[in-house]
PDB file of N, CA and C in Angstrom:
ATOM      1  N   MET A   1    -106.304 106.610 -74.127  1.00  0.00           N
ATOM      2  CA  MET A   1    -105.851 105.458 -73.365  1.00  0.00           C
ATOM      3  C   MET A   1    -106.776 104.280 -73.630  1.00  0.00           C
ATOM      4  N   LEU A   2    -106.179 103.132 -73.651  1.00  0.00           N
ATOM      5  CA  LEU A   2    -106.935 101.912 -73.880  1.00  0.00           C
ATOM      6  C   LEU A   2    -107.528 101.397 -72.573  1.00  0.00           C
ATOM      7  N   ASP A   3    -108.644 100.707 -72.702  1.00  0.00           N
ATOM      8  CA  ASP A   3    -109.208 100.029 -71.541  1.00  0.00           C
ATOM      9  C   ASP A   3    -108.313  98.845 -71.180  1.00  0.00           C
ATOM     10  N   ASP A   4    -108.659  98.182 -70.095  1.00  0.00           N
ATOM     11  CA  ASP A   4    -107.827  97.102 -69.573  1.00  0.00           C
ATOM     12  C   ASP A   4    -107.680  95.940 -70.554  1.00  0.00           C
ATOM     13  N   THR A   5    -108.791  95.442 -71.094  1.00  0.00           N
ATOM     14  CA  THR A   5    -108.731  94.266 -71.962  1.00  0.00           C
ATOM     15  C   THR A   5    -107.968  94.530 -73.256  1.00  0.00           C
ATOM     16  N   PRO A   6    -108.255  95.609 -74.000  1.00  0.00           N
ATOM     17  CA  PRO A   6    -107.451  95.849 -75.205  1.00  0.00           C
ATOM     18  C   PRO A   6    -105.966  96.057 -74.905  1.00  0.00           C
ATOM     19  N   ARG A   7    -105.657  96.751 -73.815  1.00  0.00           N
ATOM     20  CA  ARG A   7    -104.253  96.981 -73.455  1.00  0.00           C
ATOM     21  C   ARG A   7    -103.563  95.663 -73.122  1.00  0.00           C
ATOM     22  N   LYS A   8    -104.252  94.823 -72.363  1.00  0.00           N
ATOM     23  CA  LYS A   8    -103.687  93.528 -71.987  1.00  0.00           C
ATOM     24  C   LYS A   8    -103.463  92.656 -73.218  1.00  0.00           C
ATOM     25  N   LEU A   9    -104.440  92.623 -74.105  1.00  0.00           N
ATOM     26  CA  LEU A   9    -104.303  91.810 -75.314  1.00  0.00           C
ATOM     27  C   LEU A   9    -103.215  92.345 -76.234  1.00  0.00           C
ATOM     28  N   LEU A  10    -103.066  93.650 -76.303  1.00  0.00           N
ATOM     29  CA  LEU A  10    -102.001  94.233 -77.121  1.00  0.00           C
ATOM     30  C   LEU A  10    -100.637  93.784 -76.611  1.00  0.00           C
ATOM     31  N   ARG A  11    -100.442  93.806 -75.317  1.00  0.00           N
ATOM     32  CA  ARG A  11     -99.172  93.353 -74.749  1.00  0.00           C
ATOM     33  C   ARG A  11     -98.970  91.856 -74.980  1.00  0.00           C
ATOM     34  N   ILE A  12    -100.048  91.070 -74.825  1.00  0.00           N
ATOM     35  CA  ILE A  12     -99.936  89.623 -75.017  1.00  0.00           C
ATOM     36  C   ILE A  12     -99.574  89.299 -76.458  1.00  0.00           C
ATOM     37  N   ILE A  13    -100.281  89.891 -77.422  1.00  0.00           N
ATOM     38  CA  ILE A  13     -99.993  89.545 -78.816  1.00  0.00           C
ATOM     39  C   ILE A  13     -98.617  90.054 -79.238  1.00  0.00           C
ATOM     40  N   SER A  14     -98.182  91.171 -78.692  1.00  0.00           N
ATOM     41  CA  SER A  14     -96.843  91.678 -79.019  1.00  0.00           C
ATOM     42  C   SER A  14     -95.768  90.723 -78.511  1.00  0.00           C
ATOM     43  N   GLN A  15     -95.898  90.303 -77.267  1.00  0.00           N
ATOM     44  CA  GLN A  15     -94.913  89.385 -76.697  1.00  0.00           C
ATOM     45  C   GLN A  15     -94.986  88.009 -77.355  1.00  0.00           C
ATOM     46  N   PHE A  16     -96.201  87.536 -77.618  1.00  0.00           N
ATOM     47  CA  PHE A  16     -96.390  86.231 -78.241  1.00  0.00           C
ATOM     48  C   PHE A  16     -95.775  86.223 -79.633  1.00  0.00           C
ATOM     49  N   ARG A  17     -96.022  87.270 -80.400  1.00  0.00           N
ATOM     50  CA  ARG A  17     -95.485  87.374 -81.764  1.00  0.00           C
ATOM     51  C   ARG A  17     -93.962  87.413 -81.744  1.00  0.00           C
ATOM     52  N   TYR A  18     -93.400  88.139 -80.812  1.00  0.00           N
ATOM     53  CA  TYR A  18     -91.945  88.220 -80.693  1.00  0.00           C
ATOM     54  C   TYR A  18     -91.348  86.864 -80.312  1.00  0.00           C
ATOM     55  N   HIS A  19     -91.996  86.176 -79.378  1.00  0.00           N
ATOM     56  CA  HIS A  19     -91.450  84.927 -78.856  1.00  0.00           C
ATOM     57  C   HIS A  19     -91.650  83.746 -79.808  1.00  0.00           C
ATOM     58  N   PHE A  20     -92.862  83.595 -80.340  1.00  0.00           N
ATOM     59  CA  PHE A  20     -93.193  82.420 -81.144  1.00  0.00           C
ATOM     60  C   PHE A  20     -93.196  82.671 -82.652  1.00  0.00           C
ATOM     61  N   ARG A  21     -93.021  83.922 -83.081  1.00  0.00           N
ATOM     62  CA  ARG A  21     -93.001  84.294 -84.502  1.00  0.00           C
ATOM     63  C   ARG A  21     -94.306  83.976 -85.226  1.00  0.00           C
ATOM     64  N   ARG A  22     -95.393  84.017 -84.480  1.00  0.00           N
ATOM     65  CA  ARG A  22     -96.729  83.851 -85.060  1.00  0.00           C
ATOM     66  C   ARG A  22     -97.742  84.505 -84.136  1.00  0.00           C
ATOM     67  N   MET A  23     -98.929  84.730 -84.642  1.00  0.00           N
ATOM     68  CA  MET A  23     -99.987  85.321 -83.824  1.00  0.00           C
ATOM     69  C   MET A  23    -100.733  84.214 -83.080  1.00  0.00           C
ATOM     70  N   PRO A  24    -101.168  84.485 -81.861  1.00  0.00           N
ATOM     71  CA  PRO A  24    -101.928  83.477 -81.110  1.00  0.00           C
ATOM     72  C   PRO A  24    -103.342  83.345 -81.656  1.00  0.00           C
ATOM     73  N   ASN A  25    -103.914  82.154 -81.487  1.00  0.00           N
ATOM     74  CA  ASN A  25    -105.318  81.986 -81.871  1.00  0.00           C
ATOM     75  C   ASN A  25    -106.205  82.384 -80.693  1.00  0.00           C
ATOM     76  N   ILE A  26    -107.494  82.340 -80.902  1.00  0.00           N
ATOM     77  CA  ILE A  26    -108.421  82.838 -79.874  1.00  0.00           C
ATOM     78  C   ILE A  26    -108.391  81.971 -78.613  1.00  0.00           C
ATOM     79  N   LYS A  27    -108.150  80.672 -78.787  1.00  0.00           N
ATOM     80  CA  LYS A  27    -108.073  79.784 -77.627  1.00  0.00           C
ATOM     81  C   LYS A  27    -106.846  80.129 -76.772  1.00  0.00           C
ATOM     82  N   GLU A  28    -105.716  80.377 -77.416  1.00  0.00           N
ATOM     83  CA  GLU A  28    -104.505  80.755 -76.681  1.00  0.00           C
ATOM     84  C   GLU A  28    -104.675  82.110 -76.001  1.00  0.00           C
ATOM     85  N   LEU A  29    -105.306  83.049 -76.689  1.00  0.00           N
ATOM     86  CA  LEU A  29    -105.555  84.357 -76.075  1.00  0.00           C
ATOM     87  C   LEU A  29    -106.472  84.239 -74.866  1.00  0.00           C
ATOM     88  N   GLY A  30    -107.461  83.369 -74.956  1.00  0.00           N
ATOM     89  CA  GLY A  30    -108.343  83.146 -73.813  1.00  0.00           C
ATOM     90  C   GLY A  30    -107.594  82.577 -72.626  1.00  0.00           C
ATOM     91  N   ARG A  31    -106.702  81.644 -72.892  1.00  0.00           N
ATOM     92  CA  ARG A  31    -105.911  81.037 -71.818  1.00  0.00           C
ATOM     93  C   ARG A  31    -104.944  82.048 -71.207  1.00  0.00           C
ATOM     94  N   LEU A  32    -104.295  82.835 -72.043  1.00  0.00           N
ATOM     95  CA  LEU A  32    -103.293  83.781 -71.547  1.00  0.00           C
ATOM     96  C   LEU A  32    -103.895  85.010 -70.872  1.00  0.00           C
ATOM     97  N   SER A  33    -105.065  85.435 -71.344  1.00  0.00           N
ATOM     98  CA  SER A  33    -105.655  86.664 -70.807  1.00  0.00           C
ATOM     99  C   SER A  33    -106.735  86.420 -69.763  1.00  0.00           C
ATOM    100  N   GLY A  34    -107.311  85.229 -69.760  1.00  0.00           N
ATOM    101  CA  GLY A  34    -108.415  84.962 -68.852  1.00  0.00           C
ATOM    102  C   GLY A  34    -109.721  85.586 -69.318  1.00  0.00           C
ATOM    103  N   ARG A  35    -109.795  85.960 -70.588  1.00  0.00           N
ATOM    104  CA  ARG A  35    -110.991  86.594 -71.152  1.00  0.00           C
ATOM    105  C   ARG A  35    -111.752  85.608 -72.031  1.00  0.00           C
ATOM    106  N   ARG A  36    -113.037  85.869 -72.204  1.00  0.00           N
ATOM    107  CA  ARG A  36    -113.883  85.042 -73.072  1.00  0.00           C
ATOM    108  C   ARG A  36    -113.703  85.459 -74.529  1.00  0.00           C
ATOM    109  N   PRO A  37    -114.038  84.562 -75.468  1.00  0.00           N
ATOM    110  CA  PRO A  37    -113.885  84.896 -76.892  1.00  0.00           C
ATOM    111  C   PRO A  37    -114.619  86.167 -77.315  1.00  0.00           C
ATOM    112  N   ALA A  38    -115.804  86.420 -76.769  1.00  0.00           N
ATOM    113  CA  ALA A  38    -116.545  87.636 -77.129  1.00  0.00           C
ATOM    114  C   ALA A  38    -115.794  88.887 -76.670  1.00  0.00           C
ATOM    115  N   GLU A  39    -115.210  88.834 -75.480  1.00  0.00           N
ATOM    116  CA  GLU A  39    -114.425  89.970 -74.978  1.00  0.00           C
ATOM    117  C   GLU A  39    -113.166  90.185 -75.818  1.00  0.00           C
ATOM    118  N   ILE A  40    -112.549  89.097 -76.238  1.00  0.00           N
ATOM    119  CA  ILE A  40    -111.339  89.187 -77.064  1.00  0.00           C
ATOM    120  C   ILE A  40    -111.669  89.812 -78.409  1.00  0.00           C
ATOM    121  N   THR A  41    -112.753  89.372 -79.028  1.00  0.00           N
ATOM    122  CA  THR A  41    -113.161  89.928 -80.322  1.00  0.00           C
ATOM    123  C   THR A  41    -113.487  91.409 -80.197  1.00  0.00           C
ATOM    124  N   LYS A  42    -114.185  91.780 -79.145  1.00  0.00           N
ATOM    125  CA  LYS A  42    -114.517  93.189 -78.922  1.00  0.00           C
ATOM    126  C   LYS A  42    -113.246  94.024 -78.735  1.00  0.00           C
ATOM    127  N   ALA A  43    -112.297  93.512 -77.979  1.00  0.00           N
ATOM    128  CA  ALA A  43    -111.035  94.223 -77.753  1.00  0.00           C
ATOM    129  C   ALA A  43    -110.242  94.347 -79.050  1.00  0.00           C
ATOM    130  N   PHE A  44    -110.270  93.322 -79.885  1.00  0.00           N
ATOM    131  CA  PHE A  44    -109.576  93.395 -81.174  1.00  0.00           C
ATOM    132  C   PHE A  44    -110.218  94.442 -82.076  1.00  0.00           C
ATOM    133  N   LYS A  45    -111.522  94.589 -82.003  1.00  0.00           N
ATOM    134  CA  LYS A  45    -112.197  95.636 -82.784  1.00  0.00           C
ATOM    135  C   LYS A  45    -111.750  97.019 -82.316  1.00  0.00           C
ATOM    136  N   VAL A  46    -111.598  97.191 -81.005  1.00  0.00           N
ATOM    137  CA  VAL A  46    -111.122  98.469 -80.458  1.00  0.00           C
ATOM    138  C   VAL A  46    -109.693  98.736 -80.922  1.00  0.00           C
ATOM    139  N   LEU A  47    -108.833  97.726 -80.844  1.00  0.00           N
ATOM    140  CA  LEU A  47    -107.440  97.888 -81.268  1.00  0.00           C
ATOM    141  C   LEU A  47    -107.344  98.216 -82.756  1.00  0.00           C
ATOM    142  N   ALA A  48    -108.195  97.591 -83.557  1.00  0.00           N
ATOM    143  CA  ALA A  48    -108.193  97.870 -84.998  1.00  0.00           C
ATOM    144  C   ALA A  48    -108.722  99.276 -85.275  1.00  0.00           C
ATOM    145  N   ALA A  49    -109.751  99.698 -84.547  1.00  0.00           N
ATOM    146  CA  ALA A  49    -110.323 101.033 -84.748  1.00  0.00           C
ATOM    147  C   ALA A  49    -109.330 102.130 -84.367  1.00  0.00           C
ATOM    148  N   GLU A  50    -108.488 101.872 -83.382  1.00  0.00           N
ATOM    149  CA  GLU A  50    -107.508 102.867 -82.940  1.00  0.00           C
ATOM    150  C   GLU A  50    -106.141 102.677 -83.600  1.00  0.00           C
ATOM    151  N   ASN A  51    -106.097 101.837 -84.621  1.00  0.00           N
ATOM    152  CA  ASN A  51    -104.890 101.606 -85.437  1.00  0.00           C
ATOM    153  C   ASN A  51    -103.687 101.079 -84.655  1.00  0.00           C
ATOM    154  N   TYR A  52    -103.934 100.215 -83.702  1.00  0.00           N
ATOM    155  CA  TYR A  52    -102.841  99.497 -83.057  1.00  0.00           C
ATOM    156  C   TYR A  52    -102.544  98.215 -83.826  1.00  0.00           C
ATOM    157  N   ILE A  53    -103.582  97.658 -84.457  1.00  0.00           N
ATOM    158  CA  ILE A  53    -103.440  96.458 -85.279  1.00  0.00           C
ATOM    159  C   ILE A  53    -104.249  96.640 -86.558  1.00  0.00           C
ATOM    160  N   THR A  54    -103.947  95.822 -87.555  1.00  0.00           N
ATOM    161  CA  THR A  54    -104.822  95.736 -88.728  1.00  0.00           C
ATOM    162  C   THR A  54    -105.492  94.372 -88.662  1.00  0.00           C
ATOM    163  N   TRP A  55    -106.810  94.376 -88.772  1.00  0.00           N
ATOM    164  CA  TRP A  55    -107.574  93.133 -88.667  1.00  0.00           C
ATOM    165  C   TRP A  55    -108.983  93.389 -89.151  1.00  0.00           C
ATOM    166  N   LYS A  56    -109.520  92.444 -89.897  1.00  0.00           N
ATOM    167  CA  LYS A  56    -110.913  92.515 -90.333  1.00  0.00           C
ATOM    168  C   LYS A  56    -111.718  91.553 -89.475  1.00  0.00           C
ATOM    169  N   ALA A  57    -112.847  92.022 -88.994  1.00  0.00           N
ATOM    170  CA  ALA A  57    -113.664  91.228 -88.072  1.00  0.00           C
ATOM    171  C   ALA A  57    -114.168  89.935 -88.706  1.00  0.00           C
ATOM    172  N   SER A  58    -114.231  89.876 -90.021  1.00  0.00           N
ATOM    173  CA  SER A  58    -114.715  88.673 -90.693  1.00  0.00           C
ATOM    174  C   SER A  58    -113.639  87.590 -90.793  1.00  0.00           C
ATOM    175  N   LYS A  59    -112.405  87.925 -90.459  1.00  0.00           N
ATOM    176  CA  LYS A  59    -111.296  86.967 -90.561  1.00  0.00           C
ATOM    177  C   LYS A  59    -110.891  86.475 -89.170  1.00  0.00           C
ATOM    178  N   PRO A  60    -110.177  85.345 -89.101  1.00  0.00           N
ATOM    179  CA  PRO A  60    -109.707  84.851 -87.794  1.00  0.00           C
ATOM    180  C   PRO A  60    -108.722  85.825 -87.138  1.00  0.00           C
ATOM    181  N   ILE A  61    -108.610  85.729 -85.839  1.00  0.00           N
ATOM    182  CA  ILE A  61    -107.742  86.624 -85.078  1.00  0.00           C
ATOM    183  C   ILE A  61    -106.273  86.439 -85.459  1.00  0.00           C
ATOM    184  N   GLU A  62    -105.896  85.248 -85.887  1.00  0.00           N
ATOM    185  CA  GLU A  62    -104.500  84.992 -86.248  1.00  0.00           C
ATOM    186  C   GLU A  62    -104.042  85.813 -87.448  1.00  0.00           C
ATOM    187  N   THR A  63    -104.990  86.380 -88.199  1.00  0.00           N
ATOM    188  CA  THR A  63    -104.631  87.164 -89.388  1.00  0.00           C
ATOM    189  C   THR A  63    -104.301  88.619 -89.060  1.00  0.00           C
ATOM    190  N   ALA A  64    -104.425  89.011 -87.824  1.00  0.00           N
ATOM    191  CA  ALA A  64    -104.137  90.399 -87.428  1.00  0.00           C
ATOM    192  C   ALA A  64    -102.645  90.684 -87.555  1.00  0.00           C
ATOM    193  N   SER A  65    -102.332  91.937 -87.836  1.00  0.00           N
ATOM    194  CA  SER A  65    -100.941  92.399 -87.884  1.00  0.00           C
ATOM    195  C   SER A  65    -100.777  93.536 -86.884  1.00  0.00           C
ATOM    196  N   ILE A  66     -99.696  93.522 -86.154  1.00  0.00           N
ATOM    197  CA  ILE A  66     -99.439  94.548 -85.142  1.00  0.00           C
ATOM    198  C   ILE A  66     -98.808  95.764 -85.806  1.00  0.00           C
ATOM    199  N   LEU A  67     -99.403  96.929 -85.583  1.00  0.00           N
ATOM    200  CA  LEU A  67     -98.827  98.183 -86.066  1.00  0.00           C
ATOM    201  C   LEU A  67     -98.018  98.865 -84.970  1.00  0.00           C
ATOM    202  N   GLU A  68     -98.553  98.863 -83.752  1.00  0.00           N
ATOM    203  CA  GLU A  68     -97.861  99.421 -82.585  1.00  0.00           C
ATOM    204  C   GLU A  68     -98.034  98.458 -81.421  1.00  0.00           C
ATOM    205  N   GLY A  69     -96.939  98.094 -80.791  1.00  0.00           N
ATOM    206  CA  GLY A  69     -96.995  97.132 -79.699  1.00  0.00           C
ATOM    207  C   GLY A  69     -97.133  97.747 -78.321  1.00  0.00           C
ATOM    208  N   TRP A  70     -97.082  99.087 -78.246  1.00  0.00           N
ATOM    209  CA  TRP A  70     -97.196  99.777 -76.965  1.00  0.00           C
ATOM    210  C   TRP A  70     -98.308 100.798 -77.042  1.00  0.00           C
ATOM    211  N   GLU A  71     -98.904 101.077 -75.918  1.00  0.00           N
ATOM    212  CA  GLU A  71     -99.951 102.089 -75.856  1.00  0.00           C
ATOM    213  C   GLU A  71     -99.353 103.475 -76.063  1.00  0.00           C
ATOM    214  N   ARG A  72    -100.051 104.301 -76.808  1.00  0.00           N
ATOM    215  CA  ARG A  72     -99.575 105.659 -77.105  1.00  0.00           C
ATOM    216  C   ARG A  72     -99.859 106.619 -75.953  1.00  0.00           C
ATOM    217  N   ASN A  73     -99.066 107.678 -75.885  1.00  0.00           N
ATOM    218  CA  ASN A  73     -99.275 108.798 -74.956  1.00  0.00           C
ATOM    219  C   ASN A  73     -99.363 108.377 -73.497  1.00  0.00           C
ATOM    220  N   VAL A  74     -98.577 107.409 -73.123  1.00  0.00           N
ATOM    221  CA  VAL A  74     -98.527 106.980 -71.729  1.00  0.00           C
ATOM    222  C   VAL A  74     -97.114 107.240 -71.232  1.00  0.00           C
ATOM    223  N   PRO A  75     -96.970 108.032 -70.173  1.00  0.00           N
ATOM    224  CA  PRO A  75     -95.619 108.300 -69.674  1.00  0.00           C
ATOM    225  C   PRO A  75     -95.032 107.052 -69.012  1.00  0.00           C
ATOM    226  N   TYR A  76     -93.824 106.725 -69.402  1.00  0.00           N
ATOM    227  CA  TYR A  76     -93.126 105.594 -68.812  1.00  0.00           C
ATOM    228  C   TYR A  76     -91.956 106.120 -67.996  1.00  0.00           C
ATOM    229  N   ASP A  77     -91.653 105.455 -66.919  1.00  0.00           N
ATOM    230  CA  ASP A  77     -90.527 105.845 -66.081  1.00  0.00           C
ATOM    231  C   ASP A  77     -89.249 105.360 -66.751  1.00  0.00           C
ATOM    232  N   THR A  78     -88.445 106.290 -67.220  1.00  0.00           N
ATOM    233  CA  THR A  78     -87.209 105.925 -67.902  1.00  0.00           C
ATOM    234  C   THR A  78     -85.987 106.122 -67.019  1.00  0.00           C
ATOM    235  N   SER A  79     -86.209 106.533 -65.772  1.00  0.00           N
ATOM    236  CA  SER A  79     -85.065 106.718 -64.877  1.00  0.00           C
ATOM    237  C   SER A  79     -84.498 105.358 -64.489  1.00  0.00           C
ATOM    238  N   GLN A  80     -83.209 105.328 -64.251  1.00  0.00           N
ATOM    239  CA  GLN A  80     -82.571 104.079 -63.883  1.00  0.00           C
ATOM    240  C   GLN A  80     -82.849 103.775 -62.419  1.00  0.00           C
ATOM    241  N   GLU A  81     -83.070 102.503 -62.167  1.00  0.00           N
ATOM    242  CA  GLU A  81     -83.267 102.064 -60.792  1.00  0.00           C
ATOM    243  C   GLU A  81     -81.930 102.136 -60.068  1.00  0.00           C
ATOM    244  N   ARG A  82     -81.979 102.543 -58.835  1.00  0.00           N
ATOM    245  CA  ARG A  82     -80.756 102.598 -58.051  1.00  0.00           C
ATOM    246  C   ARG A  82     -80.862 101.606 -56.907  1.00  0.00           C
ATOM    247  N   GLY A  83     -79.806 100.897 -56.701  1.00  0.00           N
ATOM    248  CA  GLY A  83     -79.767  99.937 -55.615  1.00  0.00           C
ATOM    249  C   GLY A  83     -79.539 100.617 -54.285  1.00  0.00           C
ATOM    250  N   VAL A  84     -79.602  99.857 -53.223  1.00  0.00           N
ATOM    251  CA  VAL A  84     -79.415 100.385 -51.878  1.00  0.00           C
ATOM    252  C   VAL A  84     -78.004 100.934 -51.719  1.00  0.00           C
ATOM    253  N   GLN A  85     -77.027 100.284 -52.299  1.00  0.00           N
ATOM    254  CA  GLN A  85     -75.640 100.677 -52.092  1.00  0.00           C
ATOM    255  C   GLN A  85     -75.319 102.022 -52.711  1.00  0.00           C
ATOM    256  N   SER A  86     -75.998 102.417 -53.778  1.00  0.00           N
ATOM    257  CA  SER A  86     -75.679 103.694 -54.403  1.00  0.00           C
ATOM    258  C   SER A  86     -76.168 104.868 -53.561  1.00  0.00           C
ATOM    259  N   ARG A  87     -77.088 104.628 -52.644  1.00  0.00           N
ATOM    260  CA  ARG A  87     -77.601 105.696 -51.795  1.00  0.00           C
ATOM    261  C   ARG A  87     -76.704 105.938 -50.578  1.00  0.00           C
ATOM    262  N   ILE A  88     -75.929 104.956 -50.211  1.00  0.00           N
ATOM    263  CA  ILE A  88     -75.073 105.058 -49.033  1.00  0.00           C
ATOM    264  C   ILE A  88     -73.825 105.840 -49.412  1.00  0.00           C
ATOM    265  N   GLU A  89     -73.513 106.829 -48.592  1.00  0.00           N
ATOM    266  CA  GLU A  89     -72.289 107.596 -48.829  1.00  0.00           C
ATOM    267  C   GLU A  89     -71.091 106.733 -48.459  1.00  0.00           C
ATOM    268  N   GLY A  90     -70.058 106.794 -49.234  1.00  0.00           N
ATOM    269  CA  GLY A  90     -68.856 106.026 -48.944  1.00  0.00           C
ATOM    270  C   GLY A  90     -68.766 104.793 -49.822  1.00  0.00           C
ATOM    271  N   ASN A  91     -67.726 104.033 -49.585  1.00  0.00           N
ATOM    272  CA  ASN A  91     -67.476 102.839 -50.386  1.00  0.00           C
ATOM    273  C   ASN A  91     -68.187 101.642 -49.800  1.00  0.00           C
ATOM    274  N   ASN A  92     -68.300 100.622 -50.584  1.00  0.00           N
ATOM    275  CA  ASN A  92     -68.906  99.383 -50.144  1.00  0.00           C
ATOM    276  C   ASN A  92     -68.061  98.729 -49.054  1.00  0.00           C
ATOM    277  N   ILE A  93     -66.778  98.929 -49.081  1.00  0.00           N
ATOM    278  CA  ILE A  93     -65.878  98.309 -48.117  1.00  0.00           C
ATOM    279  C   ILE A  93     -66.108  98.835 -46.701  1.00  0.00           C
ATOM    280  N   ASP A  94     -66.663 100.041 -46.580  1.00  0.00           N
ATOM    281  CA  ASP A  94     -66.903 100.626 -45.260  1.00  0.00           C
ATOM    282  C   ASP A  94     -67.776  99.732 -44.390  1.00  0.00           C
ATOM    283  N   TYR A  95     -68.734  99.075 -44.976  1.00  0.00           N
ATOM    284  CA  TYR A  95     -69.607  98.202 -44.209  1.00  0.00           C
ATOM    285  C   TYR A  95     -68.796  97.108 -43.523  1.00  0.00           C
ATOM    286  N   TRP A  96     -67.875  96.515 -44.248  1.00  0.00           N
ATOM    287  CA  TRP A  96     -67.109  95.395 -43.721  1.00  0.00           C
ATOM    288  C   TRP A  96     -66.028  95.843 -42.741  1.00  0.00           C
ATOM    289  N   LEU A  97     -65.562  97.048 -42.882  1.00  0.00           N
ATOM    290  CA  LEU A  97     -64.509  97.523 -41.990  1.00  0.00           C
ATOM    291  C   LEU A  97     -65.039  98.064 -40.671  1.00  0.00           C
ATOM    292  N   TYR A  98     -66.225  98.649 -40.675  1.00  0.00           N
ATOM    293  CA  TYR A  98     -66.701  99.364 -39.497  1.00  0.00           C
ATOM    294  C   TYR A  98     -67.894  98.726 -38.798  1.00  0.00           C
ATOM    295  N   HIS A  99     -68.369  97.585 -39.270  1.00  0.00           N
ATOM    296  CA  HIS A  99     -69.539  96.974 -38.616  1.00  0.00           C
ATOM    297  C   HIS A  99     -69.247  95.573 -38.175  1.00  0.00           C
TER     298      HIS A  99
END
């Protein structure tokens, strides 16, 4: 499992790349994550070491490439959300007829 900062940055760069079709620079990452440049660089090193991204520490952060946009081995809730009405026995019209 990833720590908070690498996980947060992974989600930010994945969404940013999808939305803007480019990687964010360090200033944008600082604004979006609330982290300092040193923390961002350290988190990028962790992400690169665990093969979530490809990036060389000697190059700018914008040169990173995303390999996986989601954290591995984390159970996600895939069940469908149910509204209040699906739990009530009977039809929706019953409310209007009997109350």
